[in-house]
PDB file of N, CA and C in Angstrom:
ATOM      1  N   MET A   1     162.066 182.965 135.198  1.00  0.00           N
ATOM      2  CA  MET A   1     161.526 182.810 136.015  1.00  0.00           C
ATOM      3  C   MET A   1     160.163 181.960 135.666  1.00  0.00           C
ATOM      4  N   GLU A   2     159.827 181.337 136.953  1.00  0.00           N
ATOM      5  CA  GLU A   2     158.986 180.314 136.589  1.00  0.00           C
ATOM      6  C   GLU A   2     157.417 180.522 136.071  1.00  0.00           C
ATOM      7  N   PRO A   3     156.464 180.229 135.474  1.00  0.00           N
ATOM      8  CA  PRO A   3     155.400 180.779 135.279  1.00  0.00           C
ATOM      9  C   PRO A   3     154.435 180.979 136.285  1.00  0.00           C
ATOM     10  N   ALA A   4     154.638 179.879 137.399  1.00  0.00           N
ATOM     11  CA  ALA A   4     153.983 179.929 138.767  1.00  0.00           C
ATOM     12  C   ALA A   4     154.052 181.000 139.519  1.00  0.00           C
ATOM     13  N   ILE A   5     155.669 181.530 139.357  1.00  0.00           N
ATOM     14  CA  ILE A   5     155.943 182.441 140.482  1.00  0.00           C
ATOM     15  C   ILE A   5     155.264 184.272 139.704  1.00  0.00           C
ATOM     16  N   ILE A   6     155.600 183.933 138.319  1.00  0.00           N
ATOM     17  CA  ILE A   6     155.097 184.996 137.686  1.00  0.00           C
ATOM     18  C   ILE A   6     153.570 185.546 137.767  1.00  0.00           C
ATOM     19  N   SER A   7     152.743 184.224 137.806  1.00  0.00           N
ATOM     20  CA  SER A   7     151.403 184.127 138.040  1.00  0.00           C
ATOM     21  C   SER A   7     151.175 184.758 139.502  1.00  0.00           C
ATOM     22  N   ARG A   8     151.953 184.321 140.533  1.00  0.00           N
ATOM     23  CA  ARG A   8     151.338 184.515 141.885  1.00  0.00           C
ATOM     24  C   ARG A   8     152.011 185.979 142.007  1.00  0.00           C
ATOM     25  N   LEU A   9     153.060 186.589 141.739  1.00  0.00           N
ATOM     26  CA  LEU A   9     153.295 187.980 141.794  1.00  0.00           C
ATOM     27  C   LEU A   9     152.335 188.858 141.279  1.00  0.00           C
ATOM     28  N   SER A  10     151.583 188.417 140.162  1.00  0.00           N
ATOM     29  CA  SER A  10     150.499 189.434 139.568  1.00  0.00           C
ATOM     30  C   SER A  10     149.313 189.456 140.449  1.00  0.00           C
ATOM     31  N   GLU A  11     148.891 188.036 141.002  1.00  0.00           N
ATOM     32  CA  GLU A  11     147.715 187.774 141.729  1.00  0.00           C
ATOM     33  C   GLU A  11     147.961 188.814 142.719  1.00  0.00           C
ATOM     34  N   LEU A  12     149.284 189.148 143.651  1.00  0.00           N
ATOM     35  CA  LEU A  12     149.314 189.890 144.570  1.00  0.00           C
ATOM     36  C   LEU A  12     149.643 191.462 144.174  1.00  0.00           C
ATOM     37  N   SER A  13     149.734 191.794 142.895  1.00  0.00           N
ATOM     38  CA  SER A  13     149.939 192.968 142.530  1.00  0.00           C
ATOM     39  C   SER A  13     151.240 193.726 142.921  1.00  0.00           C
ATOM     40  N   ILE A  14     152.259 192.709 142.570  1.00  0.00           N
ATOM     41  CA  ILE A  14     153.693 192.732 143.081  1.00  0.00           C
ATOM     42  C   ILE A  14     154.457 193.058 141.839  1.00  0.00           C
ATOM     43  N   SER A  15     155.168 193.963 141.281  1.00  0.00           N
ATOM     44  CA  SER A  15     155.731 194.152 139.817  1.00  0.00           C
ATOM     45  C   SER A  15     156.774 192.809 140.157  1.00  0.00           C
ATOM     46  N   LEU A  16     157.122 192.466 138.717  1.00  0.00           N
ATOM     47  CA  LEU A  16     158.008 191.316 138.640  1.00  0.00           C
ATOM     48  C   LEU A  16     159.216 191.942 138.779  1.00  0.00           C
ATOM     49  N   PRO A  17     160.483 190.869 139.389  1.00  0.00           N
ATOM     50  CA  PRO A  17     161.578 191.743 139.215  1.00  0.00           C
ATOM     51  C   PRO A  17     162.238 191.189 137.399  1.00  0.00           C
ATOM     52  N   VAL A  18     162.826 192.450 137.159  1.00  0.00           N
ATOM     53  CA  VAL A  18     163.436 192.813 135.380  1.00  0.00           C
ATOM     54  C   VAL A  18     164.711 192.191 135.997  1.00  0.00           C
ATOM     55  N   SER A  19     165.673 192.543 136.664  1.00  0.00           N
ATOM     56  CA  SER A  19     166.686 192.177 136.916  1.00  0.00           C
ATOM     57  C   SER A  19     167.385 191.915 138.415  1.00  0.00           C
ATOM     58  N   GLN A  20     168.389 191.451 138.647  1.00  0.00           N
ATOM     59  CA  GLN A  20     168.784 190.871 139.946  1.00  0.00           C
ATOM     60  C   GLN A  20     168.662 191.748 140.808  1.00  0.00           C
ATOM     61  N   ASP A  21     168.685 193.004 140.249  1.00  0.00           N
ATOM     62  CA  ASP A  21     168.982 194.185 141.233  1.00  0.00           C
ATOM     63  C   ASP A  21     167.678 194.607 141.708  1.00  0.00           C
ATOM     64  N   ASP A  22     166.235 194.064 141.026  1.00  0.00           N
ATOM     65  CA  ASP A  22     165.062 194.207 141.599  1.00  0.00           C
ATOM     66  C   ASP A  22     164.649 193.063 142.348  1.00  0.00           C
ATOM     67  N   VAL A  23     165.331 192.131 143.032  1.00  0.00           N
ATOM     68  CA  VAL A  23     164.828 190.973 143.666  1.00  0.00           C
ATOM     69  C   VAL A  23     164.525 191.599 145.077  1.00  0.00           C
ATOM     70  N   PRO A  24     165.860 192.228 145.717  1.00  0.00           N
ATOM     71  CA  PRO A  24     165.358 192.659 146.820  1.00  0.00           C
ATOM     72  C   PRO A  24     163.864 193.427 147.118  1.00  0.00           C
ATOM     73  N   THR A  25     163.511 194.235 146.174  1.00  0.00           N
ATOM     74  CA  THR A  25     162.933 195.258 146.364  1.00  0.00           C
ATOM     75  C   THR A  25     160.962 194.346 146.098  1.00  0.00           C
ATOM     76  N   THR A  26     161.488 193.230 145.342  1.00  0.00           N
ATOM     77  CA  THR A  26     160.306 192.521 145.070  1.00  0.00           C
ATOM     78  C   THR A  26     159.880 191.494 146.408  1.00  0.00           C
ATOM     79  N   ILE A  27     161.070 191.263 147.101  1.00  0.00           N
ATOM     80  CA  ILE A  27     161.162 190.374 148.191  1.00  0.00           C
ATOM     81  C   ILE A  27     160.528 191.182 149.419  1.00  0.00           C
ATOM     82  N   GLU A  28     160.960 192.706 149.354  1.00  0.00           N
ATOM     83  CA  GLU A  28     160.275 193.979 150.582  1.00  0.00           C
ATOM     84  C   GLU A  28     158.590 193.677 150.449  1.00  0.00           C
ATOM     85  N   SER A  29     158.252 194.023 148.831  1.00  0.00           N
ATOM     86  CA  SER A  29     156.971 193.929 148.590  1.00  0.00           C
ATOM     87  C   SER A  29     156.173 192.735 149.092  1.00  0.00           C
ATOM     88  N   LEU A  30     156.529 191.406 149.379  1.00  0.00           N
ATOM     89  CA  LEU A  30     156.315 190.345 149.575  1.00  0.00           C
ATOM     90  C   LEU A  30     156.082 190.486 150.781  1.00  0.00           C
ATOM     91  N   ASN A  31     157.224 190.761 151.611  1.00  0.00           N
ATOM     92  CA  ASN A  31     157.296 190.732 153.201  1.00  0.00           C
ATOM     93  C   ASN A  31     155.893 191.692 153.753  1.00  0.00           C
ATOM     94  N   SER A  32     155.991 193.000 152.945  1.00  0.00           N
ATOM     95  CA  SER A  32     154.856 193.889 153.270  1.00  0.00           C
ATOM     96  C   SER A  32     153.677 193.438 153.070  1.00  0.00           C
ATOM     97  N   LYS A  33     153.576 192.738 152.318  1.00  0.00           N
ATOM     98  CA  LYS A  33     151.804 192.130 151.801  1.00  0.00           C
ATOM     99  C   LYS A  33     151.721 190.873 152.892  1.00  0.00           C
ATOM    100  N   PHE A  34     152.813 190.623 153.249  1.00  0.00           N
ATOM    101  CA  PHE A  34     152.362 189.453 153.913  1.00  0.00           C
ATOM    102  C   PHE A  34     152.158 189.926 155.407  1.00  0.00           C
ATOM    103  N   GLU A  35     152.662 191.194 156.124  1.00  0.00           N
ATOM    104  CA  GLU A  35     152.495 191.532 157.303  1.00  0.00           C
ATOM    105  C   GLU A  35     151.183 192.101 157.095  1.00  0.00           C
ATOM    106  N   ASP A  36     150.648 192.737 155.761  1.00  0.00           N
ATOM    107  CA  ASP A  36     149.220 193.230 155.426  1.00  0.00           C
ATOM    108  C   ASP A  36     148.279 192.582 155.596  1.00  0.00           C
ATOM    109  N   TYR A  37     148.610 191.417 155.275  1.00  0.00           N
ATOM    110  CA  TYR A  37     147.478 189.948 155.500  1.00  0.00           C
ATOM    111  C   TYR A  37     147.489 189.815 156.665  1.00  0.00           C
ATOM    112  N   LYS A  38     148.467 189.407 157.544  1.00  0.00           N
ATOM    113  CA  LYS A  38     148.608 189.224 159.033  1.00  0.00           C
ATOM    114  C   LYS A  38     147.700 190.114 159.708  1.00  0.00           C
ATOM    115  N   VAL A  39     147.486 191.330 159.551  1.00  0.00           N
ATOM    116  CA  VAL A  39     146.875 192.394 160.406  1.00  0.00           C
ATOM    117  C   VAL A  39     145.447 192.020 159.840  1.00  0.00           C
ATOM    118  N   LYS A  40     144.921 192.176 158.623  1.00  0.00           N
ATOM    119  CA  LYS A  40     143.991 192.062 158.131  1.00  0.00           C
ATOM    120  C   LYS A  40     143.089 190.680 158.759  1.00  0.00           C
ATOM    121  N   GLN A  41     144.250 189.806 158.745  1.00  0.00           N
ATOM    122  CA  GLN A  41     143.750 188.462 159.228  1.00  0.00           C
ATOM    123  C   GLN A  41     142.652 188.297 160.689  1.00  0.00           C
ATOM    124  N   VAL A  42     143.555 189.352 161.548  1.00  0.00           N
ATOM    125  CA  VAL A  42     143.130 189.621 163.197  1.00  0.00           C
ATOM    126  C   VAL A  42     141.989 190.335 162.917  1.00  0.00           C
ATOM    127  N   ASP A  43     141.860 191.366 162.099  1.00  0.00           N
ATOM    128  CA  ASP A  43     140.557 192.193 161.925  1.00  0.00           C
ATOM    129  C   ASP A  43     139.371 191.570 161.155  1.00  0.00           C
ATOM    130  N   GLU A  44     139.677 190.439 160.129  1.00  0.00           N
ATOM    131  CA  GLU A  44     138.487 189.837 159.739  1.00  0.00           C
ATOM    132  C   GLU A  44     137.965 188.924 160.561  1.00  0.00           C
ATOM    133  N   THR A  45     139.027 188.356 161.048  1.00  0.00           N
ATOM    134  CA  THR A  45     138.641 187.256 162.736  1.00  0.00           C
ATOM    135  C   THR A  45     137.614 187.940 163.306  1.00  0.00           C
ATOM    136  N   LYS A  46     138.038 188.733 163.790  1.00  0.00           N
ATOM    137  CA  LYS A  46     137.226 189.587 164.895  1.00  0.00           C
ATOM    138  C   LYS A  46     135.824 190.017 164.105  1.00  0.00           C
ATOM    139  N   LYS A  47     136.086 190.209 162.958  1.00  0.00           N
ATOM    140  CA  LYS A  47     134.640 190.690 162.439  1.00  0.00           C
ATOM    141  C   LYS A  47     133.613 189.450 162.379  1.00  0.00           C
ATOM    142  N   ASN A  48     134.403 188.609 161.645  1.00  0.00           N
ATOM    143  CA  ASN A  48     133.182 187.329 161.492  1.00  0.00           C
ATOM    144  C   ASN A  48     132.937 186.818 162.783  1.00  0.00           C
ATOM    145  N   ASN A  49     134.029 186.750 163.816  1.00  0.00           N
ATOM    146  CA  ASN A  49     133.468 186.070 165.245  1.00  0.00           C
ATOM    147  C   ASN A  49     132.312 187.113 165.558  1.00  0.00           C
ATOM    148  N   ASP A  50     132.333 188.696 165.389  1.00  0.00           N
ATOM    149  CA  ASP A  50     131.461 189.444 166.165  1.00  0.00           C
ATOM    150  C   ASP A  50     129.844 188.988 165.204  1.00  0.00           C
ATOM    151  N   LEU A  51     130.053 188.798 164.023  1.00  0.00           N
ATOM    152  CA  LEU A  51     128.786 188.798 163.106  1.00  0.00           C
ATOM    153  C   LEU A  51     128.631 187.006 163.509  1.00  0.00           C
ATOM    154  N   THR A  52     129.319 186.026 163.921  1.00  0.00           N
ATOM    155  CA  THR A  52     128.919 184.747 164.048  1.00  0.00           C
ATOM    156  C   THR A  52     128.232 184.945 165.334  1.00  0.00           C
ATOM    157  N   ASN A  53     128.850 185.586 166.574  1.00  0.00           N
ATOM    158  CA  ASN A  53     127.941 185.892 167.812  1.00  0.00           C
ATOM    159  C   ASN A  53     126.811 186.456 167.674  1.00  0.00           C
ATOM    160  N   SER A  54     126.767 187.483 166.856  1.00  0.00           N
ATOM    161  CA  SER A  54     125.076 188.338 166.747  1.00  0.00           C
ATOM    162  C   SER A  54     124.283 187.067 165.922  1.00  0.00           C
ATOM    163  N   LYS A  55     124.436 186.244 164.901  1.00  0.00           N
ATOM    164  CA  LYS A  55     123.875 185.526 164.513  1.00  0.00           C
ATOM    165  C   LYS A  55     123.264 184.460 165.629  1.00  0.00           C
ATOM    166  N   ILE A  56     124.265 183.879 166.740  1.00  0.00           N
ATOM    167  CA  ILE A  56     124.191 183.101 167.585  1.00  0.00           C
ATOM    168  C   ILE A  56     123.051 183.692 168.669  1.00  0.00           C
ATOM    169  N   GLU A  57     123.170 184.845 169.147  1.00  0.00           N
ATOM    170  CA  GLU A  57     122.201 185.537 169.924  1.00  0.00           C
ATOM    171  C   GLU A  57     120.770 185.702 169.358  1.00  0.00           C
ATOM    172  N   LYS A  58     120.685 186.007 168.059  1.00  0.00           N
ATOM    173  CA  LYS A  58     119.286 186.023 167.299  1.00  0.00           C
ATOM    174  C   LYS A  58     118.816 184.361 167.331  1.00  0.00           C
ATOM    175  N   LEU A  59     119.500 183.464 167.111  1.00  0.00           N
ATOM    176  CA  LEU A  59     119.069 181.914 167.259  1.00  0.00           C
ATOM    177  C   LEU A  59     118.092 181.907 168.503  1.00  0.00           C
ATOM    178  N   GLN A  60     119.174 182.157 169.529  1.00  0.00           N
ATOM    179  CA  GLN A  60     119.028 181.935 170.750  1.00  0.00           C
ATOM    180  C   GLN A  60     117.846 182.763 171.268  1.00  0.00           C
ATOM    181  N   LEU A  61     117.575 183.878 170.869  1.00  0.00           N
ATOM    182  CA  LEU A  61     115.890 184.303 170.846  1.00  0.00           C
ATOM    183  C   LEU A  61     115.007 183.667 170.188  1.00  0.00           C
ATOM    184  N   LYS A  62     115.314 183.260 169.111  1.00  0.00           N
ATOM    185  CA  LYS A  62     114.294 182.804 168.086  1.00  0.00           C
ATOM    186  C   LYS A  62     113.728 181.002 169.253  1.00  0.00           C
ATOM    187  N   VAL A  63     115.096 180.453 169.788  1.00  0.00           N
ATOM    188  CA  VAL A  63     114.551 179.508 170.248  1.00  0.00           C
ATOM    189  C   VAL A  63     113.901 179.666 171.632  1.00  0.00           C
ATOM    190  N   LYS A  64     114.115 180.714 172.004  1.00  0.00           N
ATOM    191  CA  LYS A  64     113.341 181.236 173.639  1.00  0.00           C
ATOM    192  C   LYS A  64     112.092 181.055 173.043  1.00  0.00           C
ATOM    193  N   GLU A  65     111.878 182.027 172.065  1.00  0.00           N
ATOM    194  CA  GLU A  65     110.396 182.611 171.799  1.00  0.00           C
ATOM    195  C   GLU A  65     109.408 180.941 171.250  1.00  0.00           C
ATOM    196  N   ILE A  66     110.102 180.195 170.742  1.00  0.00           N
ATOM    197  CA  ILE A  66     109.763 178.766 170.265  1.00  0.00           C
ATOM    198  C   ILE A  66     109.232 177.887 171.563  1.00  0.00           C
ATOM    199  N   GLU A  67     110.274 177.889 172.568  1.00  0.00           N
ATOM    200  CA  GLU A  67     110.024 177.370 173.720  1.00  0.00           C
ATOM    201  C   GLU A  67     109.021 177.855 174.382  1.00  0.00           C
ATOM    202  N   THR A  68     108.421 179.541 174.716  1.00  0.00           N
ATOM    203  CA  THR A  68     107.660 179.896 175.183  1.00  0.00           C
ATOM    204  C   THR A  68     106.336 179.459 174.417  1.00  0.00           C
ATOM    205  N   GLU A  69     106.254 179.316 172.807  1.00  0.00           N
ATOM    206  CA  GLU A  69     104.998 179.029 171.996  1.00  0.00           C
ATOM    207  C   GLU A  69     104.600 177.500 172.794  1.00  0.00           C
ATOM    208  N   ILE A  70     105.692 176.462 172.691  1.00  0.00           N
ATOM    209  CA  ILE A  70     105.629 175.473 172.832  1.00  0.00           C
ATOM    210  C   ILE A  70     104.822 174.943 174.397  1.00  0.00           C
ATOM    211  N   ALA A  71     105.481 176.132 175.253  1.00  0.00           N
ATOM    212  CA  ALA A  71     104.993 175.731 176.757  1.00  0.00           C
ATOM    213  C   ALA A  71     103.229 176.299 176.657  1.00  0.00           C
ATOM    214  N   THR A  72     103.083 177.644 175.910  1.00  0.00           N
ATOM    215  CA  THR A  72     101.986 177.958 175.659  1.00  0.00           C
ATOM    216  C   THR A  72     100.990 176.961 175.164  1.00  0.00           C
ATOM    217  N   GLU A  73     101.032 176.135 174.528  1.00  0.00           N
ATOM    218  CA  GLU A  73     100.169 175.378 173.770  1.00  0.00           C
ATOM    219  C   GLU A  73     100.268 174.096 174.647  1.00  0.00           C
ATOM    220  N   GLN A  74     101.123 173.522 175.361  1.00  0.00           N
ATOM    221  CA  GLN A  74     101.017 172.520 176.301  1.00  0.00           C
ATOM    222  C   GLN A  74     100.583 172.720 177.392  1.00  0.00           C
ATOM    223  N   ALA A  75     100.032 173.909 177.801  1.00  0.00           N
ATOM    224  CA  ALA A  75      99.104 174.588 179.068  1.00  0.00           C
ATOM    225  C   ALA A  75      97.900 174.555 177.874  1.00  0.00           C
ATOM    226  N   LYS A  76      97.691 175.159 176.962  1.00  0.00           N
ATOM    227  CA  LYS A  76      96.474 174.876 176.716  1.00  0.00           C
ATOM    228  C   LYS A  76      96.007 173.418 176.507  1.00  0.00           C
ATOM    229  N   ASP A  77      96.731 172.563 175.914  1.00  0.00           N
ATOM    230  CA  ASP A  77      96.336 171.245 175.540  1.00  0.00           C
ATOM    231  C   ASP A  77      96.117 170.665 177.276  1.00  0.00           C
ATOM    232  N   GLU A  78      96.812 171.045 178.286  1.00  0.00           N
ATOM    233  CA  GLU A  78      96.448 170.533 179.176  1.00  0.00           C
ATOM    234  C   GLU A  78      95.092 171.089 180.189  1.00  0.00           C
ATOM    235  N   GLU A  79      94.935 172.267 179.842  1.00  0.00           N
ATOM    236  CA  GLU A  79      93.637 173.043 179.730  1.00  0.00           C
ATOM    237  C   GLU A  79      92.755 172.091 179.399  1.00  0.00           C
ATOM    238  N   LYS A  80      92.571 171.884 178.005  1.00  0.00           N
ATOM    239  CA  LYS A  80      91.651 171.047 177.169  1.00  0.00           C
ATOM    240  C   LYS A  80      91.562 169.562 177.955  1.00  0.00           C
ATOM    241  N   LYS A  81      92.335 169.191 178.112  1.00  0.00           N
ATOM    242  CA  LYS A  81      92.224 167.952 178.869  1.00  0.00           C
ATOM    243  C   LYS A  81      91.634 167.837 180.439  1.00  0.00           C
ATOM    244  N   LYS A  82      91.819 168.777 181.302  1.00  0.00           N
ATOM    245  CA  LYS A  82      91.349 168.905 182.274  1.00  0.00           C
ATOM    246  C   LYS A  82      89.905 169.010 182.102  1.00  0.00           C
ATOM    247  N   SER A  83      89.414 170.001 181.143  1.00  0.00           N
ATOM    248  CA  SER A  83      88.517 170.215 180.750  1.00  0.00           C
ATOM    249  C   SER A  83      87.400 169.081 180.423  1.00  0.00           C
ATOM    250  N   VAL A  84      87.964 168.581 179.389  1.00  0.00           N
ATOM    251  CA  VAL A  84      87.322 167.169 179.086  1.00  0.00           C
ATOM    252  C   VAL A  84      87.357 166.056 180.276  1.00  0.00           C
ATOM    253  N   GLU A  85      88.054 165.918 180.887  1.00  0.00           N
ATOM    254  CA  GLU A  85      87.916 164.975 181.954  1.00  0.00           C
ATOM    255  C   GLU A  85      86.566 165.223 183.032  1.00  0.00           C
ATOM    256  N   THR A  86      86.855 166.848 183.174  1.00  0.00           N
ATOM    257  CA  THR A  86      85.831 167.407 184.042  1.00  0.00           C
ATOM    258  C   THR A  86      84.255 166.886 183.433  1.00  0.00           C
ATOM    259  N   GLU A  87      84.236 167.417 182.208  1.00  0.00           N
ATOM    260  CA  GLU A  87      83.125 167.131 181.780  1.00  0.00           C
ATOM    261  C   GLU A  87      82.380 165.593 181.360  1.00  0.00           C
ATOM    262  N   THR A  88      83.378 164.411 181.380  1.00  0.00           N
ATOM    263  CA  THR A  88      83.643 163.495 181.428  1.00  0.00           C
ATOM    264  C   THR A  88      82.866 163.201 182.824  1.00  0.00           C
ATOM    265  N   GLU A  89      83.518 163.459 183.909  1.00  0.00           N
ATOM    266  CA  GLU A  89      83.190 163.058 185.468  1.00  0.00           C
ATOM    267  C   GLU A  89      81.724 163.559 185.329  1.00  0.00           C
ATOM    268  N   LYS A  90      81.379 164.761 184.908  1.00  0.00           N
ATOM    269  CA  LYS A  90      79.897 164.959 185.390  1.00  0.00           C
ATOM    270  C   LYS A  90      78.896 164.621 184.315  1.00  0.00           C
ATOM    271  N   GLU A  91      79.164 163.975 183.340  1.00  0.00           N
ATOM    272  CA  GLU A  91      78.424 162.906 182.716  1.00  0.00           C
ATOM    273  C   GLU A  91      78.152 161.837 183.471  1.00  0.00           C
ATOM    274  N   GLU A  92      79.629 160.820 183.865  1.00  0.00           N
ATOM    275  CA  GLU A  92      79.363 159.837 184.721  1.00  0.00           C
ATOM    276  C   GLU A  92      78.273 159.914 185.907  1.00  0.00           C
ATOM    277  N   GLU A  93      78.824 161.052 186.623  1.00  0.00           N
ATOM    278  CA  GLU A  93      78.020 161.451 187.819  1.00  0.00           C
ATOM    279  C   GLU A  93      76.107 161.698 187.244  1.00  0.00           C
ATOM    280  N   SER A  94      76.216 162.131 186.388  1.00  0.00           N
ATOM    281  CA  SER A  94      74.729 162.493 185.694  1.00  0.00           C
ATOM    282  C   SER A  94      73.956 161.299 185.423  1.00  0.00           C
ATOM    283  N   THR A  95      74.992 160.097 184.892  1.00  0.00           N
ATOM    284  CA  THR A  95      74.279 159.116 184.397  1.00  0.00           C
ATOM    285  C   THR A  95      74.362 158.125 185.712  1.00  0.00           C
ATOM    286  N   GLU A  96      75.127 158.009 186.727  1.00  0.00           N
ATOM    287  CA  GLU A  96      74.902 157.542 187.991  1.00  0.00           C
ATOM    288  C   GLU A  96      73.624 157.893 188.678  1.00  0.00           C
ATOM    289  N   SER A  97      73.453 159.044 188.857  1.00  0.00           N
ATOM    290  CA  SER A  97      72.289 160.055 189.447  1.00  0.00           C
ATOM    291  C   SER A  97      70.916 159.242 188.688  1.00  0.00           C
ATOM    292  N   GLU A  98      71.100 159.133 187.203  1.00  0.00           N
ATOM    293  CA  GLU A  98      69.718 159.186 186.814  1.00  0.00           C
ATOM    294  C   GLU A  98      69.532 157.263 186.847  1.00  0.00           C
ATOM    295  N   SER A  99      70.872 156.510 186.783  1.00  0.00           N
ATOM    296  CA  SER A  99      70.398 155.190 187.169  1.00  0.00           C
ATOM    297  C   SER A  99      69.965 154.935 188.625  1.00  0.00           C
ATOM    298  N   ALA A 100      70.427 155.731 189.550  1.00  0.00           N
ATOM    299  CA  ALA A 100      70.144 155.851 190.910  1.00  0.00           C
ATOM    300  C   ALA A 100      68.091 155.890 191.426  1.00  0.00           C
ATOM    301  N   ALA A 101      68.196 156.987 190.451  1.00  0.00           N
ATOM    302  CA  ALA A 101      66.736 157.349 190.539  1.00  0.00           C
ATOM    303  C   ALA A 101      65.930 156.569 190.012  1.00  0.00           C
ATOM    304  N   ALA A 102      66.262 155.738 188.595  1.00  0.00           N
ATOM    305  CA  ALA A 102      65.463 154.788 187.861  1.00  0.00           C
ATOM    306  C   ALA A 102      65.187 153.613 189.074  1.00  0.00           C
ATOM    307  N   ALA A 103      66.224 153.361 189.822  1.00  0.00           N
ATOM    308  CA  ALA A 103      66.531 152.144 190.541  1.00  0.00           C
ATOM    309  C   ALA A 103      65.823 151.862 191.148  1.00  0.00           C
ATOM    310  N   PRO A 104      64.875 152.761 192.645  1.00  0.00           N
ATOM    311  CA  PRO A 104      63.785 152.988 193.567  1.00  0.00           C
ATOM    312  C   PRO A 104      62.188 152.946 192.434  1.00  0.00           C
ATOM    313  N   ALA A 105      62.304 153.587 191.461  1.00  0.00           N
ATOM    314  CA  ALA A 105      61.194 153.350 190.673  1.00  0.00           C
ATOM    315  C   ALA A 105      60.979 151.953 190.182  1.00  0.00           C
ATOM    316  N   ALA A 106      61.880 151.058 189.613  1.00  0.00           N
ATOM    317  CA  ALA A 106      61.714 150.143 189.205  1.00  0.00           C
ATOM    318  C   ALA A 106      61.379 148.861 190.500  1.00  0.00           C
ATOM    319  N   ASP A 107      61.831 149.461 191.634  1.00  0.00           N
ATOM    320  CA  ASP A 107      61.617 148.505 192.774  1.00  0.00           C
ATOM    321  C   ASP A 107      60.340 148.792 193.423  1.00  0.00           C
ATOM    322  N   GLU A 108      59.704 150.008 193.021  1.00  0.00           N
ATOM    323  CA  GLU A 108      58.414 150.081 193.293  1.00  0.00           C
ATOM    324  C   GLU A 108      57.255 149.349 192.519  1.00  0.00           C
ATOM    325  N   GLU A 109      57.438 148.953 191.028  1.00  0.00           N
ATOM    326  CA  GLU A 109      56.714 148.146 190.844  1.00  0.00           C
ATOM    327  C   GLU A 109      56.277 146.622 190.855  1.00  0.00           C
TER     328      GLU A 109
END
């Protein structure tokens, strides 16, 4: 028997056929292992999909939280911008009023 086959059977915990009479039993064991792996594959795939979906949901929630934070910060920035614009307009109006008040006084001289 080839060393590779011996190694593979050992990895699968299947006893080595000692005689020709043991070969059908070994093949039966291999087929049984194969069926077990197919069943486990379906279960493992479902488990992995569930885990992945859970992670995706958590990440989506985190994205929503970050988007909310960004929107809040943008609203604050917009409010600050409006406040600065309002202050600038008031200062300009005040400067214009002072200039207008000073202009008649200069005319009187």
